[in-house]
Amino acid sequence: MAVPKKRTSISKKIIRKTFWKKRGYWTTLKAFSLAQSIFTGNSKKFFCNKYNHWNNLN
């Protein structure tokens, strides 16, 4: 016969939630850092063409 599972405690639920949120925080921080390095031209992971968008608008 099927028996319902035990309920997860509130403290365990909070720990899992904060861990999940922190993991998202570090991912966004890395993505922002990478975007910033590409924008400034200091990126060592990506090769980007030096393209000046503002000169071509005029």
PDB file of N, CA and C in Angstrom:
ATOM      1  N   MET A   1       0.832  -1.180   0.000  1.00  0.00           N
ATOM      2  CA  MET A   1       0.000   0.000   0.000  1.00  0.00           C
ATOM      3  C   MET A   1       0.885   1.256   0.000  1.00  0.00           C
ATOM      4  N   ALA A   2       0.455   2.282  -0.717  1.00  0.00           N
ATOM      5  CA  ALA A   2       1.237   3.517  -0.823  1.00  0.00           C
ATOM      6  C   ALA A   2       1.162   4.315   0.472  1.00  0.00           C
ATOM      7  N   VAL A   3       2.317   4.769   0.910  1.00  0.00           N
ATOM      8  CA  VAL A   3       2.406   5.558   2.133  1.00  0.00           C
ATOM      9  C   VAL A   3       2.942   6.939   1.764  1.00  0.00           C
ATOM     10  N   PRO A   4       2.326   8.011   2.260  1.00  0.00           N
ATOM     11  CA  PRO A   4       2.838   9.350   1.930  1.00  0.00           C
ATOM     12  C   PRO A   4       4.223   9.589   2.527  1.00  0.00           C
ATOM     13  N   LYS A   5       5.021  10.347   1.801  1.00  0.00           N
ATOM     14  CA  LYS A   5       6.381  10.632   2.272  1.00  0.00           C
ATOM     15  C   LYS A   5       6.350  11.586   3.456  1.00  0.00           C
ATOM     16  N   LYS A   6       7.444  11.562   4.218  1.00  0.00           N
ATOM     17  CA  LYS A   6       7.552  12.489   5.339  1.00  0.00           C
ATOM     18  C   LYS A   6       7.737  13.899   4.811  1.00  0.00           C
ATOM     19  N   ARG A   7       7.293  14.840   5.570  1.00  0.00           N
ATOM     20  CA  ARG A   7       7.387  16.235   5.180  1.00  0.00           C
ATOM     21  C   ARG A   7       8.803  16.747   5.409  1.00  0.00           C
ATOM     22  N   THR A   8       9.314  17.563   4.463  1.00  0.00           N
ATOM     23  CA  THR A   8      10.644  18.154   4.616  1.00  0.00           C
ATOM     24  C   THR A   8      10.570  19.275   5.646  1.00  0.00           C
ATOM     25  N   SER A   9      11.553  19.329   6.526  1.00  0.00           N
ATOM     26  CA  SER A   9      11.545  20.356   7.564  1.00  0.00           C
ATOM     27  C   SER A   9      11.769  21.739   6.947  1.00  0.00           C
ATOM     28  N   ILE A  10      11.319  22.752   7.648  1.00  0.00           N
ATOM     29  CA  ILE A  10      11.424  24.129   7.153  1.00  0.00           C
ATOM     30  C   ILE A  10      12.884  24.543   7.024  1.00  0.00           C
ATOM     31  N   SER A  11      13.722  24.155   7.990  1.00  0.00           N
ATOM     32  CA  SER A  11      15.134  24.548   7.939  1.00  0.00           C
ATOM     33  C   SER A  11      15.834  23.925   6.731  1.00  0.00           C
ATOM     34  N   LYS A  12      15.523  22.677   6.439  1.00  0.00           N
ATOM     35  CA  LYS A  12      16.122  22.011   5.280  1.00  0.00           C
ATOM     36  C   LYS A  12      15.661  22.681   3.986  1.00  0.00           C
ATOM     37  N   LYS A  13      14.397  23.078   3.960  1.00  0.00           N
ATOM     38  CA  LYS A  13      13.840  23.746   2.791  1.00  0.00           C
ATOM     39  C   LYS A  13      14.532  25.101   2.565  1.00  0.00           C
ATOM     40  N   ILE A  14      14.774  25.838   3.649  1.00  0.00           N
ATOM     41  CA  ILE A  14      15.432  27.147   3.557  1.00  0.00           C
ATOM     42  C   ILE A  14      16.880  26.988   3.089  1.00  0.00           C
ATOM     43  N   ILE A  15      17.581  25.973   3.607  1.00  0.00           N
ATOM     44  CA  ILE A  15      18.971  25.726   3.207  1.00  0.00           C
ATOM     45  C   ILE A  15      19.050  25.445   1.715  1.00  0.00           C
ATOM     46  N   ARG A  16      18.169  24.604   1.218  1.00  0.00           N
ATOM     47  CA  ARG A  16      18.178  24.275  -0.214  1.00  0.00           C
ATOM     48  C   ARG A  16      17.855  25.492  -1.064  1.00  0.00           C
ATOM     49  N   LYS A  17      16.934  26.307  -0.602  1.00  0.00           N
ATOM     50  CA  LYS A  17      16.535  27.497  -1.357  1.00  0.00           C
ATOM     51  C   LYS A  17      17.678  28.505  -1.432  1.00  0.00           C
ATOM     52  N   THR A  18      18.374  28.739  -0.313  1.00  0.00           N
ATOM     53  CA  THR A  18      19.482  29.699  -0.323  1.00  0.00           C
ATOM     54  C   THR A  18      20.629  29.195  -1.182  1.00  0.00           C
ATOM     55  N   PHE A  19      20.880  27.895  -1.162  1.00  0.00           N
ATOM     56  CA  PHE A  19      21.934  27.334  -2.004  1.00  0.00           C
ATOM     57  C   PHE A  19      21.605  27.550  -3.472  1.00  0.00           C
ATOM     58  N   TRP A  20      20.350  27.340  -3.829  1.00  0.00           N
ATOM     59  CA  TRP A  20      19.906  27.519  -5.209  1.00  0.00           C
ATOM     60  C   TRP A  20      20.045  28.978  -5.635  1.00  0.00           C
ATOM     61  N   LYS A  21      19.700  29.904  -4.737  1.00  0.00           N
ATOM     62  CA  LYS A  21      19.815  31.331  -5.048  1.00  0.00           C
ATOM     63  C   LYS A  21      21.270  31.753  -5.181  1.00  0.00           C
ATOM     64  N   LYS A  22      22.149  31.246  -4.304  1.00  0.00           N
ATOM     65  CA  LYS A  22      23.569  31.601  -4.372  1.00  0.00           C
ATOM     66  C   LYS A  22      24.200  31.100  -5.656  1.00  0.00           C
ATOM     67  N   ARG A  23      23.791  29.925  -6.103  1.00  0.00           N
ATOM     68  CA  ARG A  23      24.336  29.382  -7.343  1.00  0.00           C
ATOM     69  C   ARG A  23      23.972  30.284  -8.518  1.00  0.00           C
ATOM     70  N   GLY A  24      22.761  30.806  -8.523  1.00  0.00           N
ATOM     71  CA  GLY A  24      22.345  31.742  -9.562  1.00  0.00           C
ATOM     72  C   GLY A  24      23.110  33.046  -9.483  1.00  0.00           C
ATOM     73  N   TYR A  25      23.403  33.493  -8.263  1.00  0.00           N
ATOM     74  CA  TYR A  25      24.146  34.739  -8.076  1.00  0.00           C
ATOM     75  C   TYR A  25      25.544  34.624  -8.668  1.00  0.00           C
ATOM     76  N   TRP A  26      26.242  33.524  -8.393  1.00  0.00           N
ATOM     77  CA  TRP A  26      27.603  33.364  -8.904  1.00  0.00           C
ATOM     78  C   TRP A  26      27.614  33.227 -10.418  1.00  0.00           C
ATOM     79  N   THR A  27      26.595  32.595 -10.982  1.00  0.00           N
ATOM     80  CA  THR A  27      26.507  32.454 -12.432  1.00  0.00           C
ATOM     81  C   THR A  27      26.325  33.813 -13.089  1.00  0.00           C
ATOM     82  N   THR A  28      25.450  34.646 -12.527  1.00  0.00           N
ATOM     83  CA  THR A  28      25.245  35.977 -13.099  1.00  0.00           C
ATOM     84  C   THR A  28      26.483  36.835 -12.935  1.00  0.00           C
ATOM     85  N   LEU A  29      27.194  36.678 -11.827  1.00  0.00           N
ATOM     86  CA  LEU A  29      28.412  37.448 -11.612  1.00  0.00           C
ATOM     87  C   LEU A  29      29.479  37.093 -12.641  1.00  0.00           C
ATOM     88  N   LYS A  30      29.628  35.804 -12.941  1.00  0.00           N
ATOM     89  CA  LYS A  30      30.594  35.372 -13.954  1.00  0.00           C
ATOM     90  C   LYS A  30      30.202  35.879 -15.335  1.00  0.00           C
ATOM     91  N   ALA A  31      28.908  35.806 -15.656  1.00  0.00           N
ATOM     92  CA  ALA A  31      28.436  36.264 -16.963  1.00  0.00           C
ATOM     93  C   ALA A  31      28.653  37.761 -17.120  1.00  0.00           C
ATOM     94  N   PHE A  32      28.383  38.524 -16.075  1.00  0.00           N
ATOM     95  CA  PHE A  32      28.579  39.972 -16.122  1.00  0.00           C
ATOM     96  C   PHE A  32      30.053  40.310 -16.267  1.00  0.00           C
ATOM     97  N   SER A  33      30.912  39.594 -15.559  1.00  0.00           N
ATOM     98  CA  SER A  33      32.349  39.826 -15.643  1.00  0.00           C
ATOM     99  C   SER A  33      32.865  39.531 -17.047  1.00  0.00           C
ATOM    100  N   LEU A  34      32.385  38.451 -17.649  1.00  0.00           N
ATOM    101  CA  LEU A  34      32.791  38.094 -19.004  1.00  0.00           C
ATOM    102  C   LEU A  34      32.322  39.137 -20.009  1.00  0.00           C
ATOM    103  N   ALA A  35      31.080  39.594 -19.872  1.00  0.00           N
ATOM    104  CA  ALA A  35      30.553  40.622 -20.771  1.00  0.00           C
ATOM    105  C   ALA A  35      31.337  41.918 -20.631  1.00  0.00           C
ATOM    106  N   GLN A  36      31.720  42.252 -19.423  1.00  0.00           N
ATOM    107  CA  GLN A  36      32.484  43.467 -19.175  1.00  0.00           C
ATOM    108  C   GLN A  36      33.867  43.369 -19.810  1.00  0.00           C
ATOM    109  N   SER A  37      34.502  42.216 -19.731  1.00  0.00           N
ATOM    110  CA  SER A  37      35.829  42.055 -20.319  1.00  0.00           C
ATOM    111  C   SER A  37      35.762  42.086 -21.841  1.00  0.00           C
ATOM    112  N   ILE A  38      34.692  41.541 -22.427  1.00  0.00           N
ATOM    113  CA  ILE A  38      34.528  41.595 -23.882  1.00  0.00           C
ATOM    114  C   ILE A  38      34.288  43.034 -24.315  1.00  0.00           C
ATOM    115  N   PHE A  39      33.474  43.759 -23.572  1.00  0.00           N
ATOM    116  CA  PHE A  39      33.139  45.139 -23.922  1.00  0.00           C
ATOM    117  C   PHE A  39      34.363  46.043 -23.860  1.00  0.00           C
ATOM    118  N   THR A  40      35.215  45.853 -22.860  1.00  0.00           N
ATOM    119  CA  THR A  40      36.404  46.691 -22.727  1.00  0.00           C
ATOM    120  C   THR A  40      37.534  46.234 -23.630  1.00  0.00           C
ATOM    121  N   GLY A  41      37.445  45.018 -24.151  1.00  0.00           N
ATOM    122  CA  GLY A  41      38.485  44.502 -25.040  1.00  0.00           C
ATOM    123  C   GLY A  41      39.590  43.767 -24.310  1.00  0.00           C
ATOM    124  N   ASN A  42      39.400  43.459 -23.041  1.00  0.00           N
ATOM    125  CA  ASN A  42      40.417  42.762 -22.249  1.00  0.00           C
ATOM    126  C   ASN A  42      40.161  41.263 -22.158  1.00  0.00           C
ATOM    127  N   SER A  43      39.295  40.750 -23.010  1.00  0.00           N
ATOM    128  CA  SER A  43      38.933  39.340 -22.930  1.00  0.00           C
ATOM    129  C   SER A  43      40.066  38.461 -23.428  1.00  0.00           C
ATOM    130  N   LYS A  44      40.350  37.392 -22.684  1.00  0.00           N
ATOM    131  CA  LYS A  44      41.376  36.437 -23.088  1.00  0.00           C
ATOM    132  C   LYS A  44      40.744  35.145 -23.605  1.00  0.00           C
ATOM    133  N   LYS A  45      39.434  35.007 -23.452  1.00  0.00           N
ATOM    134  CA  LYS A  45      38.754  33.792 -23.882  1.00  0.00           C
ATOM    135  C   LYS A  45      38.175  33.920 -25.284  1.00  0.00           C
ATOM    136  N   PHE A  46      37.772  35.127 -25.663  1.00  0.00           N
ATOM    137  CA  PHE A  46      37.118  35.330 -26.944  1.00  0.00           C
ATOM    138  C   PHE A  46      37.952  36.267 -27.801  1.00  0.00           C
ATOM    139  N   PHE A  47      37.960  35.994 -29.090  1.00  0.00           N
ATOM    140  CA  PHE A  47      38.608  36.889 -30.033  1.00  0.00           C
ATOM    141  C   PHE A  47      37.517  37.704 -30.711  1.00  0.00           C
ATOM    142  N   CYS A  48      37.557  39.005 -30.524  1.00  0.00           N
ATOM    143  CA  CYS A  48      36.533  39.882 -31.080  1.00  0.00           C
ATOM    144  C   CYS A  48      37.188  40.856 -32.049  1.00  0.00           C
ATOM    145  N   ASN A  49      36.468  41.176 -33.114  1.00  0.00           N
ATOM    146  CA  ASN A  49      36.950  42.198 -34.034  1.00  0.00           C
ATOM    147  C   ASN A  49      36.785  43.558 -33.382  1.00  0.00           C
ATOM    148  N   LYS A  50      37.786  44.391 -33.517  1.00  0.00           N
ATOM    149  CA  LYS A  50      37.682  45.752 -32.998  1.00  0.00           C
ATOM    150  C   LYS A  50      36.829  46.530 -33.994  1.00  0.00           C
ATOM    151  N   TYR A  51      35.571  46.707 -33.671  1.00  0.00           N
ATOM    152  CA  TYR A  51      34.614  47.320 -34.578  1.00  0.00           C
ATOM    153  C   TYR A  51      34.006  48.515 -33.871  1.00  0.00           C
ATOM    154  N   ASN A  52      34.183  49.688 -34.446  1.00  0.00           N
ATOM    155  CA  ASN A  52      33.649  50.894 -33.835  1.00  0.00           C
ATOM    156  C   ASN A  52      32.288  51.179 -34.449  1.00  0.00           C
ATOM    157  N   HIS A  53      31.256  50.955 -33.704  1.00  0.00           N
ATOM    158  CA  HIS A  53      29.892  51.104 -34.196  1.00  0.00           C
ATOM    159  C   HIS A  53      29.540  52.576 -34.399  1.00  0.00           C
ATOM    160  N   TRP A  54      30.094  53.454 -33.592  1.00  0.00           N
ATOM    161  CA  TRP A  54      29.707  54.865 -33.638  1.00  0.00           C
ATOM    162  C   TRP A  54      30.183  55.553 -34.916  1.00  0.00           C
ATOM    163  N   ASN A  55      31.300  55.137 -35.482  1.00  0.00           N
ATOM    164  CA  ASN A  55      31.785  55.767 -36.705  1.00  0.00           C
ATOM    165  C   ASN A  55      30.919  55.416 -37.905  1.00  0.00           C
ATOM    166  N   ASN A  56      30.303  54.260 -37.907  1.00  0.00           N
ATOM    167  CA  ASN A  56      29.498  53.830 -39.042  1.00  0.00           C
ATOM    168  C   ASN A  56      28.083  54.395 -39.019  1.00  0.00           C
ATOM    169  N   LEU A  57      27.672  55.004 -37.931  1.00  0.00           N
ATOM    170  CA  LEU A  57      26.336  55.584 -37.861  1.00  0.00           C
ATOM    171  C   LEU A  57      26.254  56.896 -38.629  1.00  0.00           C
ATOM    172  N   ASN A  58      27.340  57.623 -38.706  1.00  0.00           N
ATOM    173  CA  ASN A  58      27.327  58.947 -39.352  1.00  0.00           C
ATOM    174  C   ASN A  58      27.449  58.865 -40.836  1.00  0.00           C
TER     175      ASN A  58
END
